[in-house]
N, C-alpha and C. Protein backbone atom coordinates (compact mmCIF):
# COMPACT_ATOMS: atom_id res chain seq x y z
N UNK A 1 165.50 147.45 -25.29
CA UNK A 1 166.39 147.16 -26.44
C UNK A 1 167.49 146.43 -25.91
N UNK A 2 167.81 145.78 -26.61
CA UNK A 2 168.56 144.73 -26.51
C UNK A 2 170.39 145.39 -26.44
N UNK A 3 171.08 144.60 -26.12
CA UNK A 3 172.86 145.18 -26.38
C UNK A 3 173.22 144.58 -27.47
N UNK A 4 174.18 145.64 -28.52
CA UNK A 4 174.58 145.74 -29.75
C UNK A 4 176.08 144.34 -29.31
N UNK A 5 175.20 144.30 -30.37
CA UNK A 5 176.35 142.64 -30.76
C UNK A 5 177.86 142.93 -31.10
N UNK A 6 178.52 142.78 -30.62
CA UNK A 6 180.30 143.13 -31.39
C UNK A 6 180.76 142.01 -32.90
N UNK A 7 180.85 142.58 -34.12
CA UNK A 7 181.21 141.90 -35.39
C UNK A 7 182.52 140.87 -34.78
N UNK A 8 182.28 139.72 -34.52
CA UNK A 8 184.15 139.17 -34.15
C UNK A 8 185.13 138.97 -34.88
N UNK A 9 183.54 138.80 -36.12
CA UNK A 9 185.09 139.24 -37.05
C UNK A 9 185.86 140.35 -38.10
N UNK A 10 185.78 140.98 -37.38
CA UNK A 10 186.17 142.36 -37.53
C UNK A 10 187.43 142.36 -37.36
N UNK A 11 187.35 141.83 -35.36
CA UNK A 11 187.50 142.30 -34.29
C UNK A 11 189.04 141.52 -34.91
N UNK A 12 189.13 140.20 -35.13
CA UNK A 12 189.85 140.00 -35.75
C UNK A 12 191.50 140.47 -36.25
N UNK A 13 190.59 141.57 -36.65
CA UNK A 13 191.24 141.38 -38.64
C UNK A 13 192.09 142.76 -38.46
N UNK A 14 192.16 143.61 -37.35
CA UNK A 14 191.54 145.12 -36.48
C UNK A 14 192.98 145.03 -35.21
N UNK A 15 194.18 145.54 -35.12
CA UNK A 15 194.02 145.70 -33.44
C UNK A 15 193.96 147.32 -32.53
N UNK A 16 193.93 147.83 -32.11
CA UNK A 16 193.63 148.82 -31.31
C UNK A 16 194.85 149.50 -30.95
N UNK A 17 195.82 150.87 -31.14
CA UNK A 17 197.07 150.41 -30.39
C UNK A 17 196.64 151.85 -28.96
N UNK A 18 197.11 151.89 -28.14
CA UNK A 18 196.73 152.49 -26.20
C UNK A 18 196.83 154.15 -27.16
N UNK A 19 196.89 154.72 -28.13
CA UNK A 19 196.49 155.71 -28.02
C UNK A 19 195.28 156.04 -29.11
N UNK A 20 194.24 154.69 -29.74
CA UNK A 20 193.00 154.52 -30.13
C UNK A 20 193.38 154.75 -31.64
N UNK A 21 194.72 154.02 -32.30
CA UNK A 21 194.71 154.14 -33.26
C UNK A 21 193.72 152.96 -33.79
N UNK A 22 193.97 153.07 -35.98
CA UNK A 22 193.13 150.96 -36.06
C UNK A 22 194.42 151.02 -36.65
N UNK A 23 194.73 149.31 -35.98
CA UNK A 23 196.19 149.16 -36.84
C UNK A 23 195.20 147.69 -37.99
N UNK A 24 195.56 146.96 -38.62
CA UNK A 24 194.96 146.40 -39.80
C UNK A 24 196.12 146.05 -40.88
N UNK A 25 196.09 144.81 -40.61
CA UNK A 25 197.57 143.86 -41.94
C UNK A 25 197.10 144.07 -43.25
N UNK A 26 198.53 144.03 -43.78
CA UNK A 26 198.81 143.92 -45.11
C UNK A 26 197.76 143.03 -45.94
N UNK A 27 197.23 144.05 -47.23
CA UNK A 27 196.56 143.35 -47.75
C UNK A 27 197.35 142.13 -49.43
N UNK A 28 196.81 141.03 -49.16
CA UNK A 28 197.00 140.04 -50.28
C UNK A 28 198.64 139.62 -49.92
N UNK A 29 198.57 138.49 -48.88
CA UNK A 29 200.21 138.36 -47.11
C UNK A 29 199.64 137.57 -47.48
N UNK A 30 198.57 136.61 -47.65
CA UNK A 30 198.84 134.96 -47.45
C UNK A 30 199.08 134.18 -48.33
N UNK A 31 199.20 133.99 -49.75
CA UNK A 31 199.51 133.11 -50.09
C UNK A 31 200.35 133.60 -51.52
N UNK A 32 201.53 133.10 -52.79
CA UNK A 32 201.62 132.94 -53.82
C UNK A 32 203.00 134.37 -53.54
N UNK A 33 203.81 134.26 -52.80
CA UNK A 33 204.46 135.88 -52.66
C UNK A 33 205.87 135.30 -53.01
N UNK A 34 206.02 134.44 -53.13
CA UNK A 34 207.64 133.10 -53.99
C UNK A 34 208.08 134.68 -54.92
N UNK A 35 206.83 135.04 -55.85
CA UNK A 35 207.34 135.26 -57.41
C UNK A 35 207.69 137.02 -57.21
N UNK A 36 206.22 137.02 -56.15
CA UNK A 36 206.93 139.27 -56.20
C UNK A 36 208.33 139.41 -55.49
N UNK A 37 209.05 140.18 -55.84
CA UNK A 37 209.80 141.31 -55.49
C UNK A 37 210.03 141.06 -53.57
N UNK A 38 210.80 141.35 -53.58
CA UNK A 38 212.04 141.03 -51.99
C UNK A 38 211.15 142.47 -51.77
N UNK A 39 210.70 142.99 -51.98
CA UNK A 39 211.01 145.20 -51.91
C UNK A 39 209.67 145.22 -51.69
N UNK A 40 208.29 144.39 -51.62
CA UNK A 40 206.55 144.04 -52.27
C UNK A 40 206.60 143.28 -50.68
N UNK A 41 207.81 142.15 -50.59
CA UNK A 41 207.15 141.28 -50.09
C UNK A 41 208.37 141.60 -48.16
N UNK A 42 208.79 142.67 -48.52
CA UNK A 42 208.42 143.19 -47.11
C UNK A 42 208.22 144.35 -46.26
N UNK A 43 207.74 145.42 -47.68
CA UNK A 43 206.69 145.67 -47.09
C UNK A 43 205.10 145.59 -46.60
N UNK A 44 204.52 144.12 -47.03
CA UNK A 44 203.30 143.63 -46.82
C UNK A 44 203.92 142.86 -45.53
N UNK A 45 205.08 143.10 -44.39
CA UNK A 45 205.40 142.89 -43.19
C UNK A 45 204.77 143.62 -42.41
N UNK A 46 204.54 145.12 -42.75
CA UNK A 46 204.64 146.43 -42.53
C UNK A 46 203.31 146.62 -42.01
N UNK A 47 202.24 146.88 -40.41
CA UNK A 47 200.72 146.84 -40.20
C UNK A 47 200.51 148.19 -40.90
N UNK A 48 199.20 148.65 -40.51
CA UNK A 48 199.38 149.74 -42.06
C UNK A 48 197.72 150.68 -40.96
N UNK A 49 197.84 151.81 -40.62
CA UNK A 49 197.49 152.61 -40.32
C UNK A 49 196.08 152.15 -40.89
N UNK A 50 194.38 152.25 -40.21
CA UNK A 50 194.12 152.98 -41.46
C UNK A 50 192.28 153.79 -41.35
N UNK A 51 192.45 154.11 -42.38
CA UNK A 51 191.93 155.82 -42.76
C UNK A 51 191.02 156.16 -41.73
N UNK A 52 190.87 158.28 -42.40
CA UNK A 52 189.62 158.06 -41.25
C UNK A 52 188.23 157.31 -41.36
N UNK A 53 187.81 157.32 -43.05
CA UNK A 53 186.28 157.16 -43.66
C UNK A 53 185.87 155.51 -43.12
N UNK A 54 186.73 155.09 -42.48
CA UNK A 54 187.00 153.46 -42.28
C UNK A 54 186.82 153.95 -41.21
N UNK A 55 187.31 154.66 -39.82
CA UNK A 55 187.59 154.54 -38.70
C UNK A 55 186.39 154.90 -38.30
N UNK A 56 185.45 155.48 -39.22
CA UNK A 56 184.19 155.97 -38.73
C UNK A 56 183.28 154.37 -38.61
N UNK A 57 183.22 154.10 -39.69
CA UNK A 57 182.24 152.74 -40.24
C UNK A 57 182.87 151.89 -39.03
N UNK A 58 184.50 151.19 -38.69
CA UNK A 58 184.45 150.45 -37.75
C UNK A 58 183.94 150.77 -36.91
N UNK A 59 184.22 152.51 -36.11
CA UNK A 59 183.49 152.54 -34.54
C UNK A 59 181.99 152.00 -34.78
N UNK A 60 181.34 152.31 -36.06
CA UNK A 60 179.96 152.17 -35.56
C UNK A 60 180.15 150.33 -35.85
N UNK A 61 180.48 149.82 -36.04
CA UNK A 61 180.13 148.25 -35.96
C UNK A 61 180.76 147.90 -34.66
N UNK A 62 182.11 148.00 -34.35
CA UNK A 62 182.02 147.42 -32.64
C UNK A 62 181.79 148.76 -31.73
N UNK A 63 181.35 148.75 -30.90
CA UNK A 63 181.70 150.66 -30.05
C UNK A 63 181.88 149.69 -29.23
N UNK A 64 182.46 148.94 -28.90
CA UNK A 64 183.34 148.83 -27.91
C UNK A 64 184.41 148.76 -27.95
N UNK A 65 185.02 149.28 -29.04
CA UNK A 65 186.52 150.33 -29.49
C UNK A 65 186.33 151.86 -29.04
């Protein structure tokens, strides 16, 4: 049986903290932000934690985490 390959596209979109939490960037923050309110724009700068359900799914895709 061969090695399980890491999905590099997903690996580039998440970050694992030292305690094992998986963090992601806020969605919809690429462009067209000028027309949004300042509160919404500031909120997008935050890095969000991934839910437990998604964490299980990510652990299957990325066995190295």
